[in-house]
Amino acid sequence: MKILFDFLPIALFFGMFKFAESNKDWAAATATEWLGFMVSGGVVGSSEAPVLLATVVVIVATFGQILWLKARGRKVDAMLWVSLGLVTMLGGATIYFHSENFIKWKPTVLYWVMGGALLVGQLVFRKNGIKSLMSAQMALPDPVWRIVNLSWVGFFTVMGFLNLWVAFNFSTSTWVNFKLFGGLGLMMVFVLAQALYLNKHIKPGTTP
């Protein structure tokens, strides 16, 4: 369920973008009316309106996630705070300059921040971030935990580069599709492959 919760803002971004892309006149008029005071020049064209409206939705959705967790007394993960900061900063630049180039960098920066945090934790602070998250559910030898941690570092690194390649070599519509279906699909494949690997190393008496 957590992975669905994490991908909710992306799904809402996708939905708004596709709706606005199919109704560009409405999107341009709505974006100009509601965002005109925030954008350079005060007028939003039909070509950039879909991504601007979708950006507003993802900012609001990320705020909403944090408020929902806070209202229920649950801990807000550090990465969600980082995501909020990135989407607000890069999303704000996207809206002001009415250019999708800024928001396209957001997934890459987030992937690299997560991968960098895991790598620095292991190499500098001798703390395995993945072990801290999963050790209560399973017992593994320390060398295996190191491999698992580094595999996530590699996954996040590759995903960051892959996002940039799709973002700046294909249409914005294709990139939006990749953000939802490509990102979620590759994440699920990676998790499944890792589960198969972990199953070979789990100590007796524990479950994956």
N, C-alpha and C. Protein backbone atom coordinates (compact mmCIF):
# COMPACT_ATOMS: atom_id res chain seq x y z
N MET A 1 0.82 -1.22 0.00
CA MET A 1 0.00 0.00 0.00
C MET A 1 0.86 1.27 0.00
N LYS A 2 2.03 1.20 0.65
CA LYS A 2 2.86 2.39 0.74
C LYS A 2 3.31 2.85 -0.64
N ILE A 3 3.64 1.89 -1.52
CA ILE A 3 4.11 2.28 -2.84
C ILE A 3 3.00 3.00 -3.61
N LEU A 4 1.74 2.59 -3.39
CA LEU A 4 0.62 3.28 -4.04
C LEU A 4 0.45 4.69 -3.47
N PHE A 5 0.64 4.81 -2.16
CA PHE A 5 0.57 6.12 -1.52
C PHE A 5 1.66 7.03 -2.07
N ASP A 6 2.88 6.49 -2.23
CA ASP A 6 4.00 7.28 -2.72
C ASP A 6 3.78 7.73 -4.17
N PHE A 7 3.11 6.89 -4.96
CA PHE A 7 2.90 7.21 -6.37
C PHE A 7 1.61 8.01 -6.61
N LEU A 8 0.84 8.29 -5.56
CA LEU A 8 -0.42 9.02 -5.74
C LEU A 8 -0.23 10.38 -6.40
N PRO A 9 0.71 11.23 -5.96
CA PRO A 9 0.89 12.52 -6.64
C PRO A 9 1.23 12.37 -8.13
N ILE A 10 2.01 11.33 -8.45
CA ILE A 10 2.36 11.10 -9.85
C ILE A 10 1.12 10.71 -10.65
N ALA A 11 0.27 9.88 -10.05
CA ALA A 11 -0.96 9.48 -10.73
C ALA A 11 -1.87 10.69 -10.96
N LEU A 12 -1.96 11.59 -9.97
CA LEU A 12 -2.79 12.78 -10.12
C LEU A 12 -2.18 13.74 -11.15
N PHE A 13 -0.85 13.85 -11.16
CA PHE A 13 -0.16 14.64 -12.18
C PHE A 13 -0.52 14.11 -13.56
N PHE A 14 -0.45 12.79 -13.72
CA PHE A 14 -0.77 12.14 -14.98
C PHE A 14 -2.22 12.44 -15.40
N GLY A 15 -3.14 12.26 -14.46
CA GLY A 15 -4.55 12.47 -14.78
C GLY A 15 -4.85 13.90 -15.21
N MET A 16 -4.33 14.88 -14.48
CA MET A 16 -4.56 16.27 -14.85
C MET A 16 -3.91 16.61 -16.18
N PHE A 17 -2.69 16.14 -16.38
CA PHE A 17 -2.00 16.44 -17.65
C PHE A 17 -2.79 15.89 -18.83
N LYS A 18 -3.22 14.65 -18.74
CA LYS A 18 -3.93 14.04 -19.86
C LYS A 18 -5.27 14.74 -20.12
N PHE A 19 -5.97 15.10 -19.04
CA PHE A 19 -7.24 15.81 -19.22
C PHE A 19 -7.01 17.17 -19.87
N ALA A 20 -6.02 17.91 -19.36
CA ALA A 20 -5.74 19.24 -19.90
C ALA A 20 -5.22 19.16 -21.32
N GLU A 21 -4.44 18.12 -21.63
CA GLU A 21 -3.92 17.96 -22.98
C GLU A 21 -5.03 17.72 -23.98
N SER A 22 -6.08 17.07 -23.52
CA SER A 22 -7.23 16.80 -24.38
C SER A 22 -8.19 17.98 -24.47
N ASN A 23 -8.00 18.97 -23.60
CA ASN A 23 -8.88 20.16 -23.57
C ASN A 23 -8.00 21.41 -23.46
N LYS A 24 -7.19 21.65 -24.48
CA LYS A 24 -6.16 22.68 -24.40
C LYS A 24 -6.72 24.09 -24.27
N ASP A 25 -7.84 24.36 -24.94
CA ASP A 25 -8.43 25.70 -24.82
C ASP A 25 -8.88 25.95 -23.38
N TRP A 26 -9.55 24.96 -22.79
CA TRP A 26 -9.97 25.08 -21.39
C TRP A 26 -8.74 25.21 -20.50
N ALA A 27 -7.72 24.40 -20.77
CA ALA A 27 -6.52 24.42 -19.94
C ALA A 27 -5.84 25.78 -19.98
N ALA A 28 -5.73 26.36 -21.18
CA ALA A 28 -5.08 27.65 -21.32
C ALA A 28 -5.86 28.74 -20.59
N ALA A 29 -7.19 28.71 -20.74
CA ALA A 29 -8.02 29.72 -20.09
C ALA A 29 -7.98 29.56 -18.57
N THR A 30 -8.05 28.33 -18.09
CA THR A 30 -8.03 28.07 -16.65
C THR A 30 -6.68 28.44 -16.04
N ALA A 31 -5.61 28.04 -16.73
CA ALA A 31 -4.27 28.34 -16.22
C ALA A 31 -4.02 29.84 -16.19
N THR A 32 -4.48 30.54 -17.21
CA THR A 32 -4.30 32.00 -17.25
C THR A 32 -5.11 32.67 -16.14
N GLU A 33 -6.33 32.17 -15.92
CA GLU A 33 -7.19 32.77 -14.91
C GLU A 33 -6.64 32.55 -13.50
N TRP A 34 -6.21 31.33 -13.22
CA TRP A 34 -5.80 30.99 -11.87
C TRP A 34 -4.31 31.16 -11.61
N LEU A 35 -3.51 31.10 -12.66
CA LEU A 35 -2.06 31.18 -12.47
C LEU A 35 -1.43 32.39 -13.13
N GLY A 36 -2.26 33.21 -13.78
CA GLY A 36 -1.73 34.35 -14.50
C GLY A 36 -0.89 35.29 -13.65
N PHE A 37 -1.29 35.45 -12.40
CA PHE A 37 -0.54 36.35 -11.52
C PHE A 37 0.82 35.78 -11.13
N MET A 38 1.01 34.46 -11.35
CA MET A 38 2.26 33.81 -10.95
C MET A 38 3.24 33.62 -12.10
N VAL A 39 2.76 33.74 -13.33
CA VAL A 39 3.60 33.40 -14.47
C VAL A 39 4.19 34.65 -15.11
N SER A 40 5.34 34.49 -15.71
CA SER A 40 5.98 35.58 -16.43
C SER A 40 5.13 35.96 -17.63
N GLY A 41 4.74 37.21 -17.72
CA GLY A 41 3.90 37.67 -18.82
C GLY A 41 2.42 37.63 -18.52
N GLY A 42 2.00 36.84 -17.53
CA GLY A 42 0.61 36.82 -17.11
C GLY A 42 -0.33 36.00 -17.96
N VAL A 43 0.16 35.41 -19.05
CA VAL A 43 -0.70 34.63 -19.95
C VAL A 43 -0.07 33.25 -20.17
N VAL A 44 -0.89 32.22 -20.08
CA VAL A 44 -0.43 30.84 -20.30
C VAL A 44 -0.97 30.35 -21.63
N GLY A 45 -0.07 29.88 -22.49
CA GLY A 45 -0.47 29.36 -23.79
C GLY A 45 -0.99 27.94 -23.70
N SER A 46 -1.65 27.49 -24.75
CA SER A 46 -2.27 26.17 -24.75
C SER A 46 -1.23 25.04 -24.72
N SER A 47 -0.02 25.31 -25.23
CA SER A 47 1.00 24.25 -25.28
C SER A 47 1.58 23.95 -23.90
N GLU A 48 1.72 25.00 -23.07
CA GLU A 48 2.32 24.77 -21.75
C GLU A 48 1.29 24.63 -20.64
N ALA A 49 0.02 24.94 -20.91
CA ALA A 49 -1.00 24.89 -19.86
C ALA A 49 -1.15 23.52 -19.21
N PRO A 50 -1.16 22.41 -19.98
CA PRO A 50 -1.34 21.10 -19.33
C PRO A 50 -0.30 20.80 -18.26
N VAL A 51 0.96 21.05 -18.55
CA VAL A 51 1.99 20.72 -17.57
C VAL A 51 1.96 21.68 -16.38
N LEU A 52 1.54 22.92 -16.60
CA LEU A 52 1.43 23.86 -15.49
C LEU A 52 0.32 23.45 -14.53
N LEU A 53 -0.84 23.09 -15.08
CA LEU A 53 -1.94 22.66 -14.23
C LEU A 53 -1.59 21.36 -13.50
N ALA A 54 -0.93 20.45 -14.20
CA ALA A 54 -0.52 19.20 -13.56
C ALA A 54 0.49 19.46 -12.46
N THR A 55 1.34 20.45 -12.65
CA THR A 55 2.34 20.80 -11.64
C THR A 55 1.67 21.32 -10.37
N VAL A 56 0.65 22.15 -10.54
CA VAL A 56 -0.10 22.65 -9.39
C VAL A 56 -0.73 21.48 -8.63
N VAL A 57 -1.29 20.55 -9.38
CA VAL A 57 -1.94 19.39 -8.75
C VAL A 57 -0.94 18.57 -7.95
N VAL A 58 0.26 18.35 -8.49
CA VAL A 58 1.24 17.52 -7.78
C VAL A 58 1.77 18.23 -6.53
N ILE A 59 1.88 19.55 -6.59
CA ILE A 59 2.29 20.31 -5.40
C ILE A 59 1.24 20.17 -4.30
N VAL A 60 -0.02 20.38 -4.67
CA VAL A 60 -1.12 20.27 -3.70
C VAL A 60 -1.21 18.85 -3.15
N ALA A 61 -1.04 17.86 -4.03
CA ALA A 61 -1.14 16.47 -3.60
C ALA A 61 -0.03 16.11 -2.61
N THR A 62 1.17 16.62 -2.84
CA THR A 62 2.28 16.33 -1.93
C THR A 62 2.05 16.99 -0.57
N PHE A 63 1.57 18.24 -0.59
CA PHE A 63 1.16 18.88 0.66
C PHE A 63 0.10 18.04 1.37
N GLY A 64 -0.86 17.57 0.58
CA GLY A 64 -1.95 16.78 1.15
C GLY A 64 -1.46 15.50 1.80
N GLN A 65 -0.48 14.84 1.19
CA GLN A 65 0.07 13.63 1.79
C GLN A 65 0.63 13.91 3.18
N ILE A 66 1.38 15.00 3.29
CA ILE A 66 2.00 15.33 4.58
C ILE A 66 0.93 15.69 5.61
N LEU A 67 -0.06 16.47 5.21
CA LEU A 67 -1.13 16.83 6.13
C LEU A 67 -1.90 15.60 6.59
N TRP A 68 -2.13 14.66 5.68
CA TRP A 68 -2.85 13.43 6.01
C TRP A 68 -2.07 12.63 7.04
N LEU A 69 -0.76 12.50 6.84
CA LEU A 69 0.06 11.76 7.79
C LEU A 69 0.11 12.46 9.15
N LYS A 70 0.26 13.78 9.11
CA LYS A 70 0.31 14.54 10.36
C LYS A 70 -1.00 14.43 11.13
N ALA A 71 -2.12 14.49 10.42
CA ALA A 71 -3.43 14.43 11.07
C ALA A 71 -3.65 13.10 11.78
N ARG A 72 -2.97 12.07 11.30
CA ARG A 72 -3.11 10.74 11.90
C ARG A 72 -1.97 10.40 12.84
N GLY A 73 -1.15 11.39 13.12
CA GLY A 73 -0.06 11.19 14.07
C GLY A 73 1.03 10.28 13.57
N ARG A 74 1.15 10.13 12.26
CA ARG A 74 2.15 9.24 11.69
C ARG A 74 3.39 10.03 11.27
N LYS A 75 4.52 9.35 11.26
CA LYS A 75 5.78 9.98 10.91
C LYS A 75 5.84 10.28 9.42
N VAL A 76 6.34 11.46 9.08
CA VAL A 76 6.54 11.84 7.69
C VAL A 76 7.98 11.50 7.32
N ASP A 77 8.15 10.61 6.34
CA ASP A 77 9.50 10.22 5.93
C ASP A 77 10.29 11.43 5.45
N ALA A 78 11.59 11.39 5.68
CA ALA A 78 12.47 12.49 5.26
C ALA A 78 12.37 12.71 3.76
N MET A 79 12.25 11.62 3.00
CA MET A 79 12.20 11.75 1.54
C MET A 79 10.93 12.45 1.08
N LEU A 80 9.86 12.33 1.86
CA LEU A 80 8.64 13.04 1.49
C LEU A 80 8.81 14.54 1.69
N TRP A 81 9.53 14.93 2.76
CA TRP A 81 9.85 16.34 2.94
C TRP A 81 10.74 16.85 1.81
N VAL A 82 11.72 16.02 1.43
CA VAL A 82 12.59 16.40 0.31
C VAL A 82 11.77 16.55 -0.97
N SER A 83 10.87 15.60 -1.19
CA SER A 83 10.01 15.66 -2.38
C SER A 83 9.17 16.92 -2.40
N LEU A 84 8.63 17.29 -1.23
CA LEU A 84 7.84 18.52 -1.14
C LEU A 84 8.69 19.74 -1.48
N GLY A 85 9.91 19.79 -0.93
CA GLY A 85 10.79 20.91 -1.22
C GLY A 85 11.12 21.01 -2.69
N LEU A 86 11.42 19.86 -3.32
CA LEU A 86 11.78 19.86 -4.73
C LEU A 86 10.60 20.24 -5.62
N VAL A 87 9.44 19.64 -5.33
CA VAL A 87 8.29 19.90 -6.19
C VAL A 87 7.82 21.34 -6.04
N THR A 88 8.00 21.92 -4.85
CA THR A 88 7.62 23.32 -4.65
C THR A 88 8.59 24.25 -5.36
N MET A 89 9.89 23.97 -5.24
CA MET A 89 10.90 24.82 -5.86
C MET A 89 10.89 24.69 -7.39
N LEU A 90 11.01 23.46 -7.87
CA LEU A 90 11.07 23.25 -9.32
C LEU A 90 9.70 23.46 -9.96
N GLY A 91 8.65 23.08 -9.22
CA GLY A 91 7.31 23.33 -9.74
C GLY A 91 7.01 24.82 -9.82
N GLY A 92 7.47 25.56 -8.80
CA GLY A 92 7.28 27.01 -8.82
C GLY A 92 7.99 27.64 -10.00
N ALA A 93 9.20 27.16 -10.29
CA ALA A 93 9.94 27.68 -11.45
C ALA A 93 9.24 27.31 -12.75
N THR A 94 8.68 26.11 -12.80
CA THR A 94 7.93 25.69 -13.99
C THR A 94 6.75 26.60 -14.24
N ILE A 95 6.02 26.93 -13.17
CA ILE A 95 4.85 27.80 -13.29
C ILE A 95 5.27 29.22 -13.69
N TYR A 96 6.26 29.77 -13.01
CA TYR A 96 6.65 31.15 -13.27
C TYR A 96 7.18 31.33 -14.70
N PHE A 97 8.05 30.44 -15.11
CA PHE A 97 8.64 30.55 -16.45
C PHE A 97 7.83 29.82 -17.51
N HIS A 98 6.68 29.25 -17.11
CA HIS A 98 5.85 28.34 -17.92
C HIS A 98 6.71 27.50 -18.86
N SER A 99 7.59 26.72 -18.22
CA SER A 99 8.48 25.80 -18.91
C SER A 99 8.54 24.48 -18.15
N GLU A 100 8.28 23.39 -18.86
CA GLU A 100 8.28 22.08 -18.21
C GLU A 100 9.68 21.57 -17.88
N ASN A 101 10.72 22.24 -18.36
CA ASN A 101 12.08 21.74 -18.14
C ASN A 101 12.43 21.63 -16.66
N PHE A 102 11.90 22.52 -15.84
CA PHE A 102 12.22 22.50 -14.41
C PHE A 102 11.60 21.28 -13.72
N ILE A 103 10.31 21.06 -13.94
CA ILE A 103 9.63 19.95 -13.27
C ILE A 103 10.15 18.61 -13.77
N LYS A 104 10.66 18.58 -14.99
CA LYS A 104 11.21 17.33 -15.52
C LYS A 104 12.45 16.87 -14.75
N TRP A 105 13.13 17.80 -14.11
CA TRP A 105 14.31 17.45 -13.33
C TRP A 105 13.96 16.88 -11.97
N LYS A 106 12.74 17.11 -11.49
CA LYS A 106 12.38 16.74 -10.13
C LYS A 106 12.57 15.25 -9.84
N PRO A 107 12.06 14.32 -10.69
CA PRO A 107 12.27 12.90 -10.36
C PRO A 107 13.73 12.52 -10.29
N THR A 108 14.54 13.06 -11.20
CA THR A 108 15.96 12.74 -11.21
C THR A 108 16.64 13.21 -9.93
N VAL A 109 16.39 14.44 -9.53
CA VAL A 109 17.00 14.96 -8.31
C VAL A 109 16.57 14.13 -7.11
N LEU A 110 15.30 13.76 -7.05
CA LEU A 110 14.81 12.96 -5.92
C LEU A 110 15.46 11.58 -5.92
N TYR A 111 15.54 10.94 -7.08
CA TYR A 111 16.20 9.63 -7.16
C TYR A 111 17.65 9.74 -6.67
N TRP A 112 18.35 10.76 -7.12
CA TRP A 112 19.77 10.88 -6.76
C TRP A 112 19.96 11.26 -5.30
N VAL A 113 19.02 12.02 -4.74
CA VAL A 113 19.10 12.32 -3.30
C VAL A 113 18.92 11.04 -2.49
N MET A 114 17.95 10.22 -2.88
CA MET A 114 17.72 8.96 -2.16
C MET A 114 18.91 8.03 -2.29
N GLY A 115 19.42 7.88 -3.52
CA GLY A 115 20.57 7.02 -3.73
C GLY A 115 21.80 7.55 -3.00
N GLY A 116 22.00 8.87 -3.05
CA GLY A 116 23.14 9.48 -2.38
C GLY A 116 23.07 9.30 -0.88
N ALA A 117 21.86 9.40 -0.31
CA ALA A 117 21.70 9.24 1.14
C ALA A 117 22.06 7.82 1.56
N LEU A 118 21.64 6.83 0.77
CA LEU A 118 21.97 5.44 1.09
C LEU A 118 23.47 5.19 0.96
N LEU A 119 24.08 5.77 -0.06
CA LEU A 119 25.52 5.55 -0.29
C LEU A 119 26.36 6.21 0.80
N VAL A 120 26.05 7.47 1.11
CA VAL A 120 26.79 8.19 2.15
C VAL A 120 26.60 7.51 3.50
N GLY A 121 25.38 7.06 3.77
CA GLY A 121 25.12 6.38 5.03
C GLY A 121 25.99 5.15 5.19
N GLN A 122 26.15 4.39 4.11
CA GLN A 122 26.93 3.16 4.20
C GLN A 122 28.43 3.43 4.23
N LEU A 123 28.92 4.34 3.39
CA LEU A 123 30.35 4.55 3.27
C LEU A 123 30.92 5.47 4.35
N VAL A 124 30.15 6.48 4.74
CA VAL A 124 30.65 7.49 5.67
C VAL A 124 30.24 7.19 7.11
N PHE A 125 28.95 6.90 7.32
CA PHE A 125 28.44 6.72 8.68
C PHE A 125 28.32 5.26 9.09
N ARG A 126 28.68 4.36 8.17
CA ARG A 126 28.61 2.92 8.46
C ARG A 126 27.21 2.50 8.89
N LYS A 127 26.21 3.14 8.30
CA LYS A 127 24.83 2.81 8.62
C LYS A 127 24.12 2.38 7.33
N ASN A 128 23.54 1.22 7.37
CA ASN A 128 22.85 0.67 6.21
C ASN A 128 21.38 1.08 6.25
N GLY A 129 20.99 1.99 5.36
CA GLY A 129 19.63 2.52 5.38
C GLY A 129 18.58 1.47 5.11
N ILE A 130 18.84 0.57 4.16
CA ILE A 130 17.86 -0.47 3.85
C ILE A 130 17.73 -1.46 5.01
N LYS A 131 18.83 -1.77 5.65
CA LYS A 131 18.77 -2.66 6.82
C LYS A 131 17.94 -2.03 7.93
N SER A 132 18.11 -0.73 8.13
CA SER A 132 17.33 -0.04 9.16
C SER A 132 15.84 -0.13 8.91
N LEU A 133 15.46 -0.12 7.62
CA LEU A 133 14.06 -0.17 7.25
C LEU A 133 13.48 -1.57 7.30
N MET A 134 14.30 -2.57 6.98
CA MET A 134 13.77 -3.91 6.75
C MET A 134 14.21 -4.96 7.77
N SER A 135 15.14 -4.63 8.66
CA SER A 135 15.69 -5.64 9.55
C SER A 135 14.65 -6.22 10.51
N ALA A 136 13.58 -5.46 10.77
CA ALA A 136 12.54 -5.99 11.65
C ALA A 136 11.73 -7.09 10.99
N GLN A 137 11.73 -7.12 9.65
CA GLN A 137 10.96 -8.11 8.91
C GLN A 137 11.78 -9.34 8.54
N MET A 138 13.10 -9.21 8.49
CA MET A 138 13.93 -10.34 8.07
C MET A 138 15.33 -10.22 8.64
N ALA A 139 16.00 -11.35 8.76
CA ALA A 139 17.38 -11.38 9.23
C ALA A 139 18.28 -11.83 8.08
N LEU A 140 19.30 -11.02 7.79
CA LEU A 140 20.22 -11.32 6.70
C LEU A 140 21.65 -11.10 7.17
N PRO A 141 22.60 -11.80 6.58
CA PRO A 141 24.01 -11.53 6.88
C PRO A 141 24.37 -10.11 6.46
N ASP A 142 25.30 -9.50 7.17
CA ASP A 142 25.69 -8.13 6.86
C ASP A 142 26.18 -7.95 5.42
N PRO A 143 26.95 -8.89 4.86
CA PRO A 143 27.36 -8.71 3.45
C PRO A 143 26.18 -8.63 2.49
N VAL A 144 25.12 -9.38 2.79
CA VAL A 144 23.92 -9.33 1.95
C VAL A 144 23.23 -7.98 2.09
N TRP A 145 23.15 -7.48 3.33
CA TRP A 145 22.56 -6.16 3.54
C TRP A 145 23.32 -5.10 2.74
N ARG A 146 24.64 -5.21 2.70
CA ARG A 146 25.43 -4.24 1.94
C ARG A 146 25.11 -4.31 0.45
N ILE A 147 24.99 -5.53 -0.06
CA ILE A 147 24.65 -5.70 -1.47
C ILE A 147 23.27 -5.11 -1.77
N VAL A 148 22.32 -5.40 -0.89
CA VAL A 148 20.96 -4.87 -1.08
C VAL A 148 20.97 -3.35 -1.07
N ASN A 149 21.68 -2.76 -0.12
CA ASN A 149 21.75 -1.31 -0.03
C ASN A 149 22.35 -0.71 -1.30
N LEU A 150 23.46 -1.29 -1.76
CA LEU A 150 24.13 -0.77 -2.96
C LEU A 150 23.29 -1.01 -4.21
N SER A 151 22.49 -2.06 -4.20
CA SER A 151 21.62 -2.30 -5.36
C SER A 151 20.57 -1.19 -5.48
N TRP A 152 20.08 -0.70 -4.33
CA TRP A 152 19.14 0.41 -4.36
C TRP A 152 19.83 1.69 -4.82
N VAL A 153 21.08 1.88 -4.40
CA VAL A 153 21.85 3.03 -4.87
C VAL A 153 21.95 2.98 -6.39
N GLY A 154 22.29 1.81 -6.93
CA GLY A 154 22.40 1.66 -8.37
C GLY A 154 21.07 1.88 -9.07
N PHE A 155 20.00 1.35 -8.49
CA PHE A 155 18.67 1.52 -9.11
C PHE A 155 18.29 2.99 -9.18
N PHE A 156 18.46 3.72 -8.08
CA PHE A 156 18.10 5.13 -8.07
C PHE A 156 18.98 5.94 -9.03
N THR A 157 20.24 5.57 -9.14
CA THR A 157 21.13 6.27 -10.06
C THR A 157 20.69 6.08 -11.50
N VAL A 158 20.41 4.84 -11.86
CA VAL A 158 19.97 4.54 -13.22
C VAL A 158 18.63 5.20 -13.52
N MET A 159 17.71 5.16 -12.58
CA MET A 159 16.40 5.79 -12.79
C MET A 159 16.53 7.29 -13.01
N GLY A 160 17.48 7.92 -12.30
CA GLY A 160 17.69 9.34 -12.50
C GLY A 160 18.13 9.67 -13.91
N PHE A 161 19.09 8.90 -14.41
CA PHE A 161 19.56 9.12 -15.78
C PHE A 161 18.47 8.77 -16.80
N LEU A 162 17.73 7.70 -16.53
CA LEU A 162 16.68 7.29 -17.45
C LEU A 162 15.59 8.35 -17.56
N ASN A 163 15.25 8.96 -16.43
CA ASN A 163 14.25 10.04 -16.45
C ASN A 163 14.70 11.19 -17.34
N LEU A 164 15.97 11.59 -17.21
CA LEU A 164 16.48 12.69 -18.04
C LEU A 164 16.48 12.33 -19.51
N TRP A 165 16.84 11.09 -19.82
CA TRP A 165 16.87 10.66 -21.22
C TRP A 165 15.47 10.73 -21.84
N VAL A 166 14.48 10.23 -21.12
CA VAL A 166 13.11 10.29 -21.64
C VAL A 166 12.61 11.73 -21.68
N ALA A 167 12.90 12.50 -20.64
CA ALA A 167 12.38 13.86 -20.53
C ALA A 167 12.86 14.76 -21.66
N PHE A 168 14.12 14.61 -22.07
CA PHE A 168 14.69 15.55 -23.02
C PHE A 168 14.94 14.96 -24.40
N ASN A 169 14.45 13.75 -24.63
CA ASN A 169 14.56 13.15 -25.96
C ASN A 169 13.21 12.76 -26.54
N PHE A 170 12.16 12.89 -25.74
CA PHE A 170 10.83 12.54 -26.20
C PHE A 170 9.87 13.67 -25.83
N SER A 171 8.64 13.54 -26.28
CA SER A 171 7.64 14.58 -26.00
C SER A 171 7.30 14.60 -24.52
N THR A 172 6.74 15.73 -24.09
CA THR A 172 6.31 15.84 -22.69
C THR A 172 5.25 14.80 -22.36
N SER A 173 4.38 14.51 -23.32
CA SER A 173 3.34 13.50 -23.10
C SER A 173 3.96 12.13 -22.85
N THR A 174 4.98 11.79 -23.63
CA THR A 174 5.66 10.51 -23.44
C THR A 174 6.34 10.46 -22.07
N TRP A 175 6.94 11.58 -21.68
CA TRP A 175 7.60 11.64 -20.37
C TRP A 175 6.59 11.45 -19.24
N VAL A 176 5.42 12.06 -19.36
CA VAL A 176 4.38 11.90 -18.34
C VAL A 176 3.96 10.44 -18.24
N ASN A 177 3.81 9.77 -19.39
CA ASN A 177 3.48 8.34 -19.37
C ASN A 177 4.58 7.54 -18.66
N PHE A 178 5.82 7.88 -18.95
CA PHE A 178 6.94 7.17 -18.35
C PHE A 178 6.99 7.39 -16.84
N LYS A 179 6.70 8.62 -16.40
CA LYS A 179 6.73 8.92 -14.97
C LYS A 179 5.83 7.97 -14.19
N LEU A 180 4.65 7.70 -14.73
CA LEU A 180 3.70 6.84 -14.01
C LEU A 180 3.96 5.37 -14.30
N PHE A 181 3.81 4.99 -15.55
CA PHE A 181 3.86 3.57 -15.89
C PHE A 181 5.29 3.03 -15.92
N GLY A 182 6.20 3.80 -16.48
CA GLY A 182 7.58 3.35 -16.52
C GLY A 182 8.20 3.30 -15.14
N GLY A 183 8.02 4.37 -14.37
CA GLY A 183 8.59 4.41 -13.03
C GLY A 183 8.03 3.33 -12.12
N LEU A 184 6.71 3.20 -12.11
CA LEU A 184 6.07 2.19 -11.26
C LEU A 184 6.42 0.79 -11.73
N GLY A 185 6.40 0.58 -13.05
CA GLY A 185 6.70 -0.75 -13.59
C GLY A 185 8.12 -1.19 -13.28
N LEU A 186 9.08 -0.30 -13.51
CA LEU A 186 10.48 -0.64 -13.24
C LEU A 186 10.72 -0.86 -11.75
N MET A 187 10.05 -0.08 -10.92
CA MET A 187 10.17 -0.26 -9.48
C MET A 187 9.66 -1.64 -9.06
N MET A 188 8.54 -2.06 -9.61
CA MET A 188 7.97 -3.36 -9.26
C MET A 188 8.85 -4.50 -9.73
N VAL A 189 9.42 -4.36 -10.94
CA VAL A 189 10.32 -5.40 -11.45
C VAL A 189 11.56 -5.51 -10.57
N PHE A 190 12.10 -4.34 -10.18
CA PHE A 190 13.29 -4.34 -9.32
C PHE A 190 13.00 -4.96 -7.97
N VAL A 191 11.88 -4.60 -7.37
CA VAL A 191 11.51 -5.15 -6.06
C VAL A 191 11.30 -6.66 -6.15
N LEU A 192 10.68 -7.11 -7.23
CA LEU A 192 10.47 -8.56 -7.40
C LEU A 192 11.81 -9.28 -7.53
N ALA A 193 12.71 -8.73 -8.34
CA ALA A 193 14.02 -9.35 -8.51
C ALA A 193 14.78 -9.38 -7.19
N GLN A 194 14.66 -8.31 -6.42
CA GLN A 194 15.35 -8.27 -5.14
C GLN A 194 14.73 -9.26 -4.15
N ALA A 195 13.42 -9.42 -4.20
CA ALA A 195 12.76 -10.38 -3.31
C ALA A 195 13.24 -11.80 -3.60
N LEU A 196 13.42 -12.12 -4.88
CA LEU A 196 13.93 -13.44 -5.25
C LEU A 196 15.35 -13.63 -4.73
N TYR A 197 16.14 -12.57 -4.80
CA TYR A 197 17.51 -12.65 -4.29
C TYR A 197 17.52 -12.81 -2.77
N LEU A 198 16.70 -12.02 -2.09
CA LEU A 198 16.66 -12.08 -0.63
C LEU A 198 16.19 -13.43 -0.13
N ASN A 199 15.27 -14.04 -0.87
CA ASN A 199 14.71 -15.31 -0.44
C ASN A 199 15.79 -16.39 -0.32
N LYS A 200 16.89 -16.23 -1.05
CA LYS A 200 17.97 -17.21 -1.00
C LYS A 200 18.86 -17.03 0.22
N HIS A 201 18.77 -15.85 0.85
CA HIS A 201 19.70 -15.53 1.93
C HIS A 201 19.05 -15.33 3.29
N ILE A 202 17.73 -15.36 3.33
CA ILE A 202 17.05 -15.14 4.61
C ILE A 202 17.38 -16.27 5.58
N LYS A 203 17.70 -15.89 6.79
CA LYS A 203 18.05 -16.88 7.80
C LYS A 203 16.81 -17.67 8.21
N PRO A 204 16.96 -18.93 8.58
CA PRO A 204 15.81 -19.75 8.99
C PRO A 204 15.03 -19.07 10.13
N GLY A 205 13.71 -19.23 10.05
CA GLY A 205 12.87 -18.69 11.10
C GLY A 205 12.38 -17.28 10.82
N THR A 206 12.79 -16.70 9.67
CA THR A 206 12.33 -15.36 9.31
C THR A 206 11.59 -15.45 7.99
N THR A 207 10.85 -14.41 7.66
CA THR A 207 10.10 -14.37 6.40
C THR A 207 10.52 -13.17 5.60
N PRO A 208 10.45 -13.28 4.25
CA PRO A 208 10.83 -12.13 3.41
C PRO A 208 9.81 -11.03 3.49
